[in-house]
């Protein structure tokens, strides 16, 4: 839905509908966050594969990163990195939980959580 709002914003700008474009742009972050929450709750309820959830979370993070670049606002970067951090267990980069079974395990891959931050700042 967040991507659809981006498309509606683009069409509204091209059709000289500034109110429609502004409304679509304002709805985009809310729908992106809603997508992240529903992806997590859907995976938990239906026990779907964690990689599907990770895909939705990464796509949501990309929406926030694009908005940060487009609007030059730091708050969207914070949202993007929070979503990326939340997606780590679903990508298999977890230190103390398994997204499939929700059970604790030994932190065997203790170096993996910092890598997205290093890549982002690099």
PDB file of N, CA and C in Angstrom:
ATOM      1  N   UNK A   1       0.816  -1.193   0.000  1.00  0.00           N
ATOM      2  CA  UNK A   1       0.000   0.000   0.000  1.00  0.00           C
ATOM      3  C   UNK A   1       0.867   1.267   0.000  1.00  0.00           C
ATOM      4  N   UNK A   2       2.022   1.192   0.675  1.00  0.00           N
ATOM      5  CA  UNK A   2       2.904   2.366   0.704  1.00  0.00           C
ATOM      6  C   UNK A   2       3.420   2.665  -0.704  1.00  0.00           C
ATOM      7  N   UNK A   3       3.692   1.610  -1.470  1.00  0.00           N
ATOM      8  CA  UNK A   3       4.139   1.820  -2.846  1.00  0.00           C
ATOM      9  C   UNK A   3       3.017   2.383  -3.707  1.00  0.00           C
ATOM     10  N   UNK A   4       1.793   1.949  -3.443  1.00  0.00           N
ATOM     11  CA  UNK A   4       0.647   2.490  -4.182  1.00  0.00           C
ATOM     12  C   UNK A   4       0.497   3.984  -3.879  1.00  0.00           C
ATOM     13  N   UNK A   5       0.701   4.374  -2.621  1.00  0.00           N
ATOM     14  CA  UNK A   5       0.613   5.799  -2.271  1.00  0.00           C
ATOM     15  C   UNK A   5       1.717   6.603  -2.968  1.00  0.00           C
ATOM     16  N   UNK A   6       2.885   6.008  -3.135  1.00  0.00           N
ATOM     17  CA  UNK A   6       3.939   6.672  -3.897  1.00  0.00           C
ATOM     18  C   UNK A   6       3.534   6.877  -5.344  1.00  0.00           C
ATOM     19  N   UNK A   7       2.868   5.874  -5.922  1.00  0.00           N
ATOM     20  CA  UNK A   7       2.379   5.995  -7.300  1.00  0.00           C
ATOM     21  C   UNK A   7       1.268   7.045  -7.402  1.00  0.00           C
ATOM     22  N   UNK A   8       0.360   7.058  -6.409  1.00  0.00           N
ATOM     23  CA  UNK A   8      -0.722   8.056  -6.413  1.00  0.00           C
ATOM     24  C   UNK A   8      -0.136   9.464  -6.283  1.00  0.00           C
ATOM     25  N   UNK A   9       0.906   9.622  -5.476  1.00  0.00           N
ATOM     26  CA  UNK A   9       1.579  10.919  -5.361  1.00  0.00           C
ATOM     27  C   UNK A   9       2.151  11.346  -6.706  1.00  0.00           C
ATOM     28  N   UNK A  10       2.791  10.417  -7.391  1.00  0.00           N
ATOM     29  CA  UNK A  10       3.371  10.723  -8.709  1.00  0.00           C
ATOM     30  C   UNK A  10       2.286  11.123  -9.712  1.00  0.00           C
ATOM     31  N   UNK A  11       1.196  10.373  -9.735  1.00  0.00           N
ATOM     32  CA  UNK A  11       0.100  10.678 -10.668  1.00  0.00           C
ATOM     33  C   UNK A  11      -0.554  12.009 -10.299  1.00  0.00           C
ATOM     34  N   UNK A  12      -0.733  12.256  -9.009  1.00  0.00           N
ATOM     35  CA  UNK A  12      -1.338  13.519  -8.572  1.00  0.00           C
ATOM     36  C   UNK A  12      -0.506  14.723  -8.971  1.00  0.00           C
ATOM     37  N   UNK A  13       0.804  14.587  -8.890  1.00  0.00           N
ATOM     38  CA  UNK A  13       1.681  15.686  -9.324  1.00  0.00           C
ATOM     39  C   UNK A  13       1.582  15.923 -10.820  1.00  0.00           C
ATOM     40  N   UNK A  14       1.561  14.844 -11.583  1.00  0.00           N
ATOM     41  CA  UNK A  14       1.516  14.975 -13.044  1.00  0.00           C
ATOM     42  C   UNK A  14       0.174  15.487 -13.545  1.00  0.00           C
ATOM     43  N   UNK A  15      -0.894  15.214 -12.807  1.00  0.00           N
ATOM     44  CA  UNK A  15      -2.234  15.631 -13.220  1.00  0.00           C
ATOM     45  C   UNK A  15      -2.652  16.961 -12.597  1.00  0.00           C
ATOM     46  N   UNK A  16      -1.715  17.669 -12.019  1.00  0.00           N
ATOM     47  CA  UNK A  16      -1.973  18.966 -11.378  1.00  0.00           C
ATOM     48  C   UNK A  16      -3.028  18.857 -10.278  1.00  0.00           C
ATOM     49  N   UNK A  17      -2.868  17.856  -9.436  1.00  0.00           N
ATOM     50  CA  UNK A  17      -3.743  17.641  -8.282  1.00  0.00           C
ATOM     51  C   UNK A  17      -2.882  17.695  -7.012  1.00  0.00           C
ATOM     52  N   UNK A  18      -2.507  18.901  -6.576  1.00  0.00           N
ATOM     53  CA  UNK A  18      -1.567  18.983  -5.450  1.00  0.00           C
ATOM     54  C   UNK A  18      -2.120  18.432  -4.136  1.00  0.00           C
ATOM     55  N   UNK A  19      -3.429  18.542  -3.910  1.00  0.00           N
ATOM     56  CA  UNK A  19      -3.997  18.011  -2.669  1.00  0.00           C
ATOM     57  C   UNK A  19      -3.933  16.489  -2.635  1.00  0.00           C
ATOM     58  N   UNK A  20      -4.217  15.853  -3.759  1.00  0.00           N
ATOM     59  CA  UNK A  20      -4.127  14.399  -3.846  1.00  0.00           C
ATOM     60  C   UNK A  20      -2.689  13.943  -3.647  1.00  0.00           C
ATOM     61  N   UNK A  21      -1.753  14.631  -4.278  1.00  0.00           N
ATOM     62  CA  UNK A  21      -0.340  14.276  -4.147  1.00  0.00           C
ATOM     63  C   UNK A  21       0.130  14.438  -2.707  1.00  0.00           C
ATOM     64  N   UNK A  22      -0.272  15.513  -2.059  1.00  0.00           N
ATOM     65  CA  UNK A  22       0.138  15.766  -0.683  1.00  0.00           C
ATOM     66  C   UNK A  22      -0.487  14.742   0.269  1.00  0.00           C
ATOM     67  N   UNK A  23      -1.741  14.399   0.056  1.00  0.00           N
ATOM     68  CA  UNK A  23      -2.408  13.410   0.909  1.00  0.00           C
ATOM     69  C   UNK A  23      -1.760  12.033   0.755  1.00  0.00           C
ATOM     70  N   UNK A  24      -1.435  11.648  -0.463  1.00  0.00           N
ATOM     71  CA  UNK A  24      -0.791  10.353  -0.694  1.00  0.00           C
ATOM     72  C   UNK A  24       0.588  10.305  -0.051  1.00  0.00           C
ATOM     73  N   UNK A  25       1.323  11.394  -0.151  1.00  0.00           N
ATOM     74  CA  UNK A  25       2.647  11.455   0.449  1.00  0.00           C
ATOM     75  C   UNK A  25       2.565  11.405   1.974  1.00  0.00           C
ATOM     76  N   UNK A  26       1.543  11.991   2.544  1.00  0.00           N
ATOM     77  CA  UNK A  26       1.361  11.959   3.990  1.00  0.00           C
ATOM     78  C   UNK A  26       0.948  10.586   4.513  1.00  0.00           C
ATOM     79  N   UNK A  27       0.235   9.821   3.702  1.00  0.00           N
ATOM     80  CA  UNK A  27      -0.214   8.488   4.112  1.00  0.00           C
ATOM     81  C   UNK A  27       0.882   7.431   3.991  1.00  0.00           C
ATOM     82  N   UNK A  28       1.880   7.695   3.187  1.00  0.00           N
ATOM     83  CA  UNK A  28       2.886   6.674   2.889  1.00  0.00           C
ATOM     84  C   UNK A  28       3.617   6.139   4.125  1.00  0.00           C
ATOM     85  N   UNK A  29       4.139   6.970   5.028  1.00  0.00           N
ATOM     86  CA  UNK A  29       4.831   6.405   6.195  1.00  0.00           C
ATOM     87  C   UNK A  29       3.917   5.607   7.118  1.00  0.00           C
ATOM     88  N   UNK A  30       2.689   6.058   7.271  1.00  0.00           N
ATOM     89  CA  UNK A  30       1.743   5.330   8.114  1.00  0.00           C
ATOM     90  C   UNK A  30       1.463   3.952   7.549  1.00  0.00           C
ATOM     91  N   UNK A  31       1.257   3.873   6.249  1.00  0.00           N
ATOM     92  CA  UNK A  31       0.994   2.582   5.621  1.00  0.00           C
ATOM     93  C   UNK A  31       2.230   1.695   5.622  1.00  0.00           C
ATOM     94  N   UNK A  32       3.414   2.283   5.515  1.00  0.00           N
ATOM     95  CA  UNK A  32       4.634   1.480   5.581  1.00  0.00           C
ATOM     96  C   UNK A  32       4.798   0.868   6.969  1.00  0.00           C
ATOM     97  N   UNK A  33       4.559   1.632   8.018  1.00  0.00           N
ATOM     98  CA  UNK A  33       4.664   1.095   9.376  1.00  0.00           C
ATOM     99  C   UNK A  33       3.588   0.051   9.625  1.00  0.00           C
ATOM    100  N   UNK A  34       2.394   0.283   9.120  1.00  0.00           N
ATOM    101  CA  UNK A  34       1.319  -0.697   9.243  1.00  0.00           C
ATOM    102  C   UNK A  34       1.693  -1.997   8.525  1.00  0.00           C
ATOM    103  N   UNK A  35       2.341  -1.896   7.384  1.00  0.00           N
ATOM    104  CA  UNK A  35       2.801  -3.076   6.653  1.00  0.00           C
ATOM    105  C   UNK A  35       3.778  -3.880   7.498  1.00  0.00           C
ATOM    106  N   UNK A  36       4.696  -3.200   8.166  1.00  0.00           N
ATOM    107  CA  UNK A  36       5.674  -3.894   9.008  1.00  0.00           C
ATOM    108  C   UNK A  36       4.985  -4.617  10.164  1.00  0.00           C
ATOM    109  N   UNK A  37       4.053  -3.952  10.814  1.00  0.00           N
ATOM    110  CA  UNK A  37       3.362  -4.562  11.950  1.00  0.00           C
ATOM    111  C   UNK A  37       2.531  -5.760  11.507  1.00  0.00           C
ATOM    112  N   UNK A  38       1.813  -5.624  10.408  1.00  0.00           N
ATOM    113  CA  UNK A  38       0.982  -6.728   9.915  1.00  0.00           C
ATOM    114  C   UNK A  38       1.852  -7.889   9.443  1.00  0.00           C
ATOM    115  N   UNK A  39       3.009  -7.613   8.854  1.00  0.00           N
ATOM    116  CA  UNK A  39       3.907  -8.689   8.424  1.00  0.00           C
ATOM    117  C   UNK A  39       4.384  -9.499   9.627  1.00  0.00           C
ATOM    118  N   UNK A  40       4.749  -8.815  10.702  1.00  0.00           N
ATOM    119  CA  UNK A  40       5.226  -9.519  11.901  1.00  0.00           C
ATOM    120  C   UNK A  40       4.102 -10.315  12.546  1.00  0.00           C
ATOM    121  N   UNK A  41       2.943  -9.689  12.710  1.00  0.00           N
ATOM    122  CA  UNK A  41       1.824 -10.395  13.337  1.00  0.00           C
ATOM    123  C   UNK A  41       1.310 -11.534  12.457  1.00  0.00           C
ATOM    124  N   UNK A  42       1.319 -11.343  11.145  1.00  0.00           N
ATOM    125  CA  UNK A  42       0.892 -12.402  10.236  1.00  0.00           C
ATOM    126  C   UNK A  42       1.812 -13.606  10.288  1.00  0.00           C
ATOM    127  N   UNK A  43       3.114 -13.373  10.356  1.00  0.00           N
ATOM    128  CA  UNK A  43       4.064 -14.479  10.450  1.00  0.00           C
ATOM    129  C   UNK A  43       3.885 -15.219  11.772  1.00  0.00           C
ATOM    130  N   UNK A  44       3.664 -14.486  12.822  1.00  0.00           N
ATOM    131  CA  UNK A  44       3.488 -15.108  14.132  1.00  0.00           C
ATOM    132  C   UNK A  44       2.205 -15.933  14.179  1.00  0.00           C
ATOM    133  N   UNK A  45       1.125 -15.401  13.621  1.00  0.00           N
ATOM    134  CA  UNK A  45      -0.169 -16.092  13.688  1.00  0.00           C
ATOM    135  C   UNK A  45      -0.236 -17.287  12.738  1.00  0.00           C
ATOM    136  N   UNK A  46       0.198 -17.104  11.499  1.00  0.00           N
ATOM    137  CA  UNK A  46       0.055 -18.152  10.489  1.00  0.00           C
ATOM    138  C   UNK A  46       1.277 -19.052  10.375  1.00  0.00           C
ATOM    139  N   UNK A  47       2.357 -18.731  11.095  1.00  0.00           N
ATOM    140  CA  UNK A  47       3.610 -19.494  11.044  1.00  0.00           C
ATOM    141  C   UNK A  47       4.142 -19.612   9.622  1.00  0.00           C
ATOM    142  N   UNK A  48       4.067 -18.515   8.904  1.00  0.00           N
ATOM    143  CA  UNK A  48       4.586 -18.487   7.539  1.00  0.00           C
ATOM    144  C   UNK A  48       6.113 -18.453   7.571  1.00  0.00           C
ATOM    145  N   UNK A  49       6.766 -18.701   6.431  1.00  0.00           N
ATOM    146  CA  UNK A  49       8.230 -18.692   6.415  1.00  0.00           C
ATOM    147  C   UNK A  49       8.782 -17.319   6.811  1.00  0.00           C
ATOM    148  N   UNK A  50       9.804 -17.294   7.653  1.00  0.00           N
ATOM    149  CA  UNK A  50      10.364 -16.015   8.100  1.00  0.00           C
ATOM    150  C   UNK A  50      10.936 -15.168   6.970  1.00  0.00           C
ATOM    151  N   UNK A  51      11.388 -15.799   5.896  1.00  0.00           N
ATOM    152  CA  UNK A  51      11.961 -15.009   4.806  1.00  0.00           C
ATOM    153  C   UNK A  51      10.915 -14.145   4.110  1.00  0.00           C
ATOM    154  N   UNK A  52       9.673 -14.591   4.075  1.00  0.00           N
ATOM    155  CA  UNK A  52       8.612 -13.745   3.518  1.00  0.00           C
ATOM    156  C   UNK A  52       8.439 -12.496   4.375  1.00  0.00           C
ATOM    157  N   UNK A  53       8.420 -12.701   5.676  1.00  0.00           N
ATOM    158  CA  UNK A  53       8.299 -11.571   6.589  1.00  0.00           C
ATOM    159  C   UNK A  53       9.498 -10.647   6.444  1.00  0.00           C
ATOM    160  N   UNK A  54      10.677 -11.222   6.340  1.00  0.00           N
ATOM    161  CA  UNK A  54      11.891 -10.416   6.152  1.00  0.00           C
ATOM    162  C   UNK A  54      11.809  -9.600   4.869  1.00  0.00           C
ATOM    163  N   UNK A  55      11.260 -10.189   3.818  1.00  0.00           N
ATOM    164  CA  UNK A  55      11.105  -9.454   2.563  1.00  0.00           C
ATOM    165  C   UNK A  55      10.207  -8.236   2.709  1.00  0.00           C
ATOM    166  N   UNK A  56       9.093  -8.421   3.400  1.00  0.00           N
ATOM    167  CA  UNK A  56       8.198  -7.281   3.625  1.00  0.00           C
ATOM    168  C   UNK A  56       8.860  -6.225   4.508  1.00  0.00           C
ATOM    169  N   UNK A  57       9.592  -6.666   5.516  1.00  0.00           N
ATOM    170  CA  UNK A  57      10.249  -5.712   6.407  1.00  0.00           C
ATOM    171  C   UNK A  57      11.358  -4.947   5.689  1.00  0.00           C
ATOM    172  N   UNK A  58      12.134  -5.638   4.880  1.00  0.00           N
ATOM    173  CA  UNK A  58      13.199  -4.956   4.129  1.00  0.00           C
ATOM    174  C   UNK A  58      12.596  -3.978   3.122  1.00  0.00           C
ATOM    175  N   UNK A  59      11.509  -4.382   2.452  1.00  0.00           N
ATOM    176  CA  UNK A  59      10.842  -3.466   1.522  1.00  0.00           C
ATOM    177  C   UNK A  59      10.309  -2.235   2.253  1.00  0.00           C
ATOM    178  N   UNK A  60       9.780  -2.440   3.453  1.00  0.00           N
ATOM    179  CA  UNK A  60       9.308  -1.308   4.251  1.00  0.00           C
ATOM    180  C   UNK A  60      10.464  -0.400   4.647  1.00  0.00           C
ATOM    181  N   UNK A  61      11.580  -0.999   5.018  1.00  0.00           N
ATOM    182  CA  UNK A  61      12.770  -0.208   5.328  1.00  0.00           C
ATOM    183  C   UNK A  61      13.253   0.589   4.132  1.00  0.00           C
ATOM    184  N   UNK A  62      13.135   0.004   2.947  1.00  0.00           N
ATOM    185  CA  UNK A  62      13.538   0.713   1.731  1.00  0.00           C
ATOM    186  C   UNK A  62      12.613   1.897   1.455  1.00  0.00           C
ATOM    187  N   UNK A  63      11.336   1.753   1.757  1.00  0.00           N
ATOM    188  CA  UNK A  63      10.409   2.878   1.598  1.00  0.00           C
ATOM    189  C   UNK A  63      10.823   4.025   2.516  1.00  0.00           C
ATOM    190  N   UNK A  64      11.132   3.701   3.766  1.00  0.00           N
ATOM    191  CA  UNK A  64      11.567   4.743   4.697  1.00  0.00           C
ATOM    192  C   UNK A  64      12.901   5.354   4.271  1.00  0.00           C
ATOM    193  N   UNK A  65      13.827   4.537   3.769  1.00  0.00           N
ATOM    194  CA  UNK A  65      15.117   5.069   3.315  1.00  0.00           C
ATOM    195  C   UNK A  65      14.926   5.994   2.115  1.00  0.00           C
ATOM    196  N   UNK A  66      14.035   5.622   1.208  1.00  0.00           N
ATOM    197  CA  UNK A  66      13.762   6.481   0.053  1.00  0.00           C
ATOM    198  C   UNK A  66      13.170   7.811   0.498  1.00  0.00           C
ATOM    199  N   UNK A  67      12.239   7.743   1.471  1.00  0.00           N
ATOM    200  CA  UNK A  67      11.647   8.985   1.981  1.00  0.00           C
ATOM    201  C   UNK A  67      12.686   9.853   2.671  1.00  0.00           C
ATOM    202  N   UNK A  68      13.630   9.220   3.383  1.00  0.00           N
ATOM    203  CA  UNK A  68      14.696   9.982   4.041  1.00  0.00           C
ATOM    204  C   UNK A  68      15.547  10.699   3.005  1.00  0.00           C
ATOM    205  N   UNK A  69      15.880  10.014   1.933  1.00  0.00           N
ATOM    206  CA  UNK A  69      16.683  10.625   0.875  1.00  0.00           C
ATOM    207  C   UNK A  69      15.891  11.720   0.169  1.00  0.00           C
ATOM    208  N   UNK A  70      14.627  11.455  -0.127  1.00  0.00           N
ATOM    209  CA  UNK A  70      13.800  12.409  -0.866  1.00  0.00           C
ATOM    210  C   UNK A  70      13.514  13.670  -0.049  1.00  0.00           C
ATOM    211  N   UNK A  71      13.127  13.495   1.227  1.00  0.00           N
ATOM    212  CA  UNK A  71      12.735  14.619   2.071  1.00  0.00           C
ATOM    213  C   UNK A  71      13.894  15.213   2.858  1.00  0.00           C
ATOM    214  N   UNK A  72      15.043  14.525   2.867  1.00  0.00           N
ATOM    215  CA  UNK A  72      16.205  14.952   3.655  1.00  0.00           C
ATOM    216  C   UNK A  72      15.839  15.139   5.124  1.00  0.00           C
ATOM    217  N   UNK A  73      15.185  14.107   5.692  1.00  0.00           N
ATOM    218  CA  UNK A  73      14.770  14.147   7.090  1.00  0.00           C
ATOM    219  C   UNK A  73      15.344  12.957   7.836  1.00  0.00           C
ATOM    220  N   UNK A  74      15.918  13.246   8.977  1.00  0.00           N
ATOM    221  CA  UNK A  74      16.584  12.230   9.776  1.00  0.00           C
ATOM    222  C   UNK A  74      15.605  11.232  10.393  1.00  0.00           C
ATOM    223  N   UNK A  75      14.383  11.632  10.657  1.00  0.00           N
ATOM    224  CA  UNK A  75      13.429  10.722  11.307  1.00  0.00           C
ATOM    225  C   UNK A  75      13.117   9.509  10.438  1.00  0.00           C
ATOM    226  N   UNK A  76      13.162   9.665   9.123  1.00  0.00           N
ATOM    227  CA  UNK A  76      12.892   8.519   8.256  1.00  0.00           C
ATOM    228  C   UNK A  76      14.067   7.548   8.264  1.00  0.00           C
ATOM    229  N   UNK A  77      15.285   8.052   8.456  1.00  0.00           N
ATOM    230  CA  UNK A  77      16.445   7.160   8.589  1.00  0.00           C
ATOM    231  C   UNK A  77      16.309   6.333   9.867  1.00  0.00           C
ATOM    232  N   UNK A  78      15.881   6.969  10.939  1.00  0.00           N
ATOM    233  CA  UNK A  78      15.691   6.235  12.190  1.00  0.00           C
ATOM    234  C   UNK A  78      14.638   5.142  12.012  1.00  0.00           C
ATOM    235  N   UNK A  79      13.567   5.454  11.324  1.00  0.00           N
ATOM    236  CA  UNK A  79      12.532   4.447  11.085  1.00  0.00           C
ATOM    237  C   UNK A  79      13.056   3.311  10.216  1.00  0.00           C
ATOM    238  N   UNK A  80      13.824   3.652   9.187  1.00  0.00           N
ATOM    239  CA  UNK A  80      14.381   2.627   8.301  1.00  0.00           C
ATOM    240  C   UNK A  80      15.308   1.688   9.065  1.00  0.00           C
ATOM    241  N   UNK A  81      16.170   2.238   9.900  1.00  0.00           N
ATOM    242  CA  UNK A  81      17.099   1.396  10.637  1.00  0.00           C
ATOM    243  C   UNK A  81      16.397   0.576  11.717  1.00  0.00           C
ATOM    244  N   UNK A  82      15.340   1.093  12.286  1.00  0.00           N
ATOM    245  CA  UNK A  82      14.570   0.307  13.249  1.00  0.00           C
ATOM    246  C   UNK A  82      13.927  -0.888  12.553  1.00  0.00           C
ATOM    247  N   UNK A  83      13.387  -0.675  11.370  1.00  0.00           N
ATOM    248  CA  UNK A  83      12.774  -1.775  10.614  1.00  0.00           C
ATOM    249  C   UNK A  83      13.834  -2.793  10.216  1.00  0.00           C
ATOM    250  N   UNK A  84      15.009  -2.325   9.785  1.00  0.00           N
ATOM    251  CA  UNK A  84      16.092  -3.259   9.440  1.00  0.00           C
ATOM    252  C   UNK A  84      16.501  -4.064  10.665  1.00  0.00           C
ATOM    253  N   UNK A  85      16.586  -3.417  11.818  1.00  0.00           N
ATOM    254  CA  UNK A  85      16.923  -4.133  13.045  1.00  0.00           C
ATOM    255  C   UNK A  85      15.876  -5.164  13.417  1.00  0.00           C
ATOM    256  N   UNK A  86      14.611  -4.824  13.213  1.00  0.00           N
ATOM    257  CA  UNK A  86      13.539  -5.772  13.513  1.00  0.00           C
ATOM    258  C   UNK A  86      13.577  -6.955  12.542  1.00  0.00           C
ATOM    259  N   UNK A  87      14.043  -6.728  11.325  1.00  0.00           N
ATOM    260  CA  UNK A  87      14.045  -7.800  10.325  1.00  0.00           C
ATOM    261  C   UNK A  87      15.181  -8.809  10.522  1.00  0.00           C
ATOM    262  N   UNK A  88      16.174  -8.502  11.338  1.00  0.00           N
ATOM    263  CA  UNK A  88      17.319  -9.396  11.505  1.00  0.00           C
ATOM    264  C   UNK A  88      16.945 -10.811  11.955  1.00  0.00           C
ATOM    265  N   UNK A  89      16.071 -11.002  12.955  1.00  0.00           N
ATOM    266  CA  UNK A  89      15.719 -12.381  13.311  1.00  0.00           C
ATOM    267  C   UNK A  89      15.033 -13.133  12.179  1.00  0.00           C
ATOM    268  N   UNK A  90      14.300 -12.430  11.362  1.00  0.00           N
ATOM    269  CA  UNK A  90      13.606 -13.080  10.253  1.00  0.00           C
ATOM    270  C   UNK A  90      14.563 -13.420   9.116  1.00  0.00           C
ATOM    271  N   UNK A  91      15.685 -12.740   9.059  1.00  0.00           N
ATOM    272  CA  UNK A  91      16.720 -13.036   8.062  1.00  0.00           C
ATOM    273  C   UNK A  91      17.682 -14.118   8.549  1.00  0.00           C
ATOM    274  N   UNK A  92      17.522 -14.542   9.797  1.00  0.00           N
ATOM    275  CA  UNK A  92      18.387 -15.565  10.349  1.00  0.00           C
ATOM    276  C   UNK A  92      19.572 -15.002  11.095  1.00  0.00           C
ATOM    277  N   UNK A  93      19.636 -13.692  11.299  1.00  0.00           N
ATOM    278  CA  UNK A  93      20.739 -13.048  12.012  1.00  0.00           C
ATOM    279  C   UNK A  93      20.316 -12.743  13.432  1.00  0.00           C
ATOM    280  N   UNK A  94      20.030 -13.751  14.173  1.00  0.00           N
ATOM    281  CA  UNK A  94      19.541 -13.536  15.523  1.00  0.00           C
ATOM    282  C   UNK A  94      20.544 -14.065  16.535  1.00  0.00           C
ATOM    283  N   UNK A  95      20.667 -13.386  17.645  1.00  0.00           N
ATOM    284  CA  UNK A  95      21.583 -13.850  18.670  1.00  0.00           C
ATOM    285  C   UNK A  95      20.891 -14.650  19.761  1.00  0.00           C
ATOM    286  N   UNK A  96      19.617 -14.436  19.979  1.00  0.00           N
ATOM    287  CA  UNK A  96      18.990 -15.161  21.083  1.00  0.00           C
ATOM    288  C   UNK A  96      17.574 -15.628  20.795  1.00  0.00           C
ATOM    289  N   UNK A  97      17.094 -15.538  19.574  1.00  0.00           N
ATOM    290  CA  UNK A  97      15.762 -16.071  19.303  1.00  0.00           C
ATOM    291  C   UNK A  97      15.699 -16.597  17.884  1.00  0.00           C
ATOM    292  N   UNK A  98      14.835 -17.528  17.673  1.00  0.00           N
ATOM    293  CA  UNK A  98      14.600 -18.104  16.363  1.00  0.00           C
ATOM    294  C   UNK A  98      13.213 -17.676  15.929  1.00  0.00           C
ATOM    295  N   UNK A  99      13.111 -16.998  14.794  1.00  0.00           N
ATOM    296  CA  UNK A  99      11.830 -16.456  14.354  1.00  0.00           C
ATOM    297  C   UNK A  99      10.825 -17.547  14.026  1.00  0.00           C
ATOM    298  N   UNK A 100      11.294 -18.740  13.685  1.00  0.00           N
ATOM    299  CA  UNK A 100      10.366 -19.814  13.348  1.00  0.00           C
ATOM    300  C   UNK A 100       9.736 -20.431  14.583  1.00  0.00           C
ATOM    301  N   UNK A 101      10.536 -20.703  15.606  1.00  0.00           N
ATOM    302  CA  UNK A 101       9.991 -21.407  16.763  1.00  0.00           C
ATOM    303  C   UNK A 101       9.774 -20.512  17.971  1.00  0.00           C
ATOM    304  N   UNK A 102      10.250 -19.279  17.921  1.00  0.00           N
ATOM    305  CA  UNK A 102      10.158 -18.333  19.031  1.00  0.00           C
ATOM    306  C   UNK A 102      10.801 -18.905  20.304  1.00  0.00           C
ATOM    307  N   UNK A 103      11.800 -19.757  20.143  1.00  0.00           N
ATOM    308  CA  UNK A 103      12.508 -20.334  21.280  1.00  0.00           C
ATOM    309  C   UNK A 103      13.898 -19.734  21.375  1.00  0.00           C
ATOM    310  N   UNK A 104      14.425 -19.692  22.581  1.00  0.00           N
ATOM    311  CA  UNK A 104      15.772 -19.151  22.749  1.00  0.00           C
ATOM    312  C   UNK A 104      16.800 -20.206  22.380  1.00  0.00           C
ATOM    313  N   UNK A 105      17.976 -19.737  21.947  1.00  0.00           N
ATOM    314  CA  UNK A 105      19.072 -20.634  21.610  1.00  0.00           C
ATOM    315  C   UNK A 105      20.379 -19.931  21.957  1.00  0.00           C
ATOM    316  N   UNK A 106      21.465 -20.677  21.899  1.00  0.00           N
ATOM    317  CA  UNK A 106      22.775 -20.127  22.218  1.00  0.00           C
ATOM    318  C   UNK A 106      23.165 -19.061  21.197  1.00  0.00           C
ATOM    319  N   UNK A 107      23.742 -17.956  21.616  1.00  0.00           N
ATOM    320  CA  UNK A 107      24.148 -16.898  20.656  1.00  0.00           C
ATOM    321  C   UNK A 107      25.378 -17.297  19.850  1.00  0.00           C
ATOM    322  N   UNK A 108      25.168 -18.104  18.843  1.00  0.00           N
ATOM    323  CA  UNK A 108      26.290 -18.618  18.056  1.00  0.00           C
ATOM    324  C   UNK A 108      26.805 -17.612  17.037  1.00  0.00           C
ATOM    325  N   UNK A 109      25.987 -16.706  16.600  1.00  0.00           N
ATOM    326  CA  UNK A 109      26.423 -15.737  15.591  1.00  0.00           C
ATOM    327  C   UNK A 109      26.410 -14.330  16.183  1.00  0.00           C
ATOM    328  N   UNK A 110      27.224 -14.103  17.196  1.00  0.00           N
ATOM    329  CA  UNK A 110      27.197 -12.851  17.947  1.00  0.00           C
ATOM    330  C   UNK A 110      27.742 -11.673  17.167  1.00  0.00           C
ATOM    331  N   UNK A 111      28.410 -11.874  16.058  1.00  0.00           N
ATOM    332  CA  UNK A 111      28.938 -10.751  15.281  1.00  0.00           C
ATOM    333  C   UNK A 111      27.971 -10.224  14.232  1.00  0.00           C
ATOM    334  N   UNK A 112      26.896 -10.939  13.975  1.00  0.00           N
ATOM    335  CA  UNK A 112      26.033 -10.539  12.865  1.00  0.00           C
ATOM    336  C   UNK A 112      25.201  -9.283  13.096  1.00  0.00           C
ATOM    337  N   UNK A 113      24.665  -8.971  14.281  1.00  0.00           N
ATOM    338  CA  UNK A 113      23.815  -7.783  14.402  1.00  0.00           C
ATOM    339  C   UNK A 113      24.459  -6.453  14.018  1.00  0.00           C
ATOM    340  N   UNK A 114      25.760  -6.210  14.251  1.00  0.00           N
ATOM    341  CA  UNK A 114      26.294  -4.898  13.870  1.00  0.00           C
ATOM    342  C   UNK A 114      26.468  -4.684  12.370  1.00  0.00           C
ATOM    343  N   UNK A 115      26.478  -5.734  11.560  1.00  0.00           N
ATOM    344  CA  UNK A 115      26.804  -5.567  10.143  1.00  0.00           C
ATOM    345  C   UNK A 115      25.874  -4.636   9.382  1.00  0.00           C
ATOM    346  N   UNK A 116      24.549  -4.677   9.557  1.00  0.00           N
ATOM    347  CA  UNK A 116      23.727  -3.704   8.818  1.00  0.00           C
ATOM    348  C   UNK A 116      24.073  -2.254   9.164  1.00  0.00           C
ATOM    349  N   UNK A 117      24.386  -2.000  10.430  1.00  0.00           N
ATOM    350  CA  UNK A 117      24.781  -0.645  10.808  1.00  0.00           C
ATOM    351  C   UNK A 117      26.091  -0.219  10.167  1.00  0.00           C
ATOM    352  N   UNK A 118      27.059  -1.144  10.116  1.00  0.00           N
ATOM    353  CA  UNK A 118      28.328  -0.839   9.479  1.00  0.00           C
ATOM    354  C   UNK A 118      28.154  -0.591   7.982  1.00  0.00           C
ATOM    355  N   UNK A 119      27.333  -1.405   7.349  1.00  0.00           N
ATOM    356  CA  UNK A 119      27.094  -1.224   5.916  1.00  0.00           C
ATOM    357  C   UNK A 119      26.364   0.087   5.634  1.00  0.00           C
ATOM    358  N   UNK A 120      25.426   0.438   6.515  1.00  0.00           N
ATOM    359  CA  UNK A 120      24.642   1.644   6.328  1.00  0.00           C
ATOM    360  C   UNK A 120      25.533   2.880   6.461  1.00  0.00           C
ATOM    361  N   UNK A 121      26.419   2.876   7.454  1.00  0.00           N
ATOM    362  CA  UNK A 121      27.244   4.059   7.687  1.00  0.00           C
ATOM    363  C   UNK A 121      28.469   4.099   6.795  1.00  0.00           C
ATOM    364  N   UNK A 122      28.801   2.967   6.166  1.00  0.00           N
ATOM    365  CA  UNK A 122      30.030   2.881   5.363  1.00  0.00           C
ATOM    366  C   UNK A 122      29.911   3.628   4.114  1.00  0.00           C
TER     367      UNK A 122
END
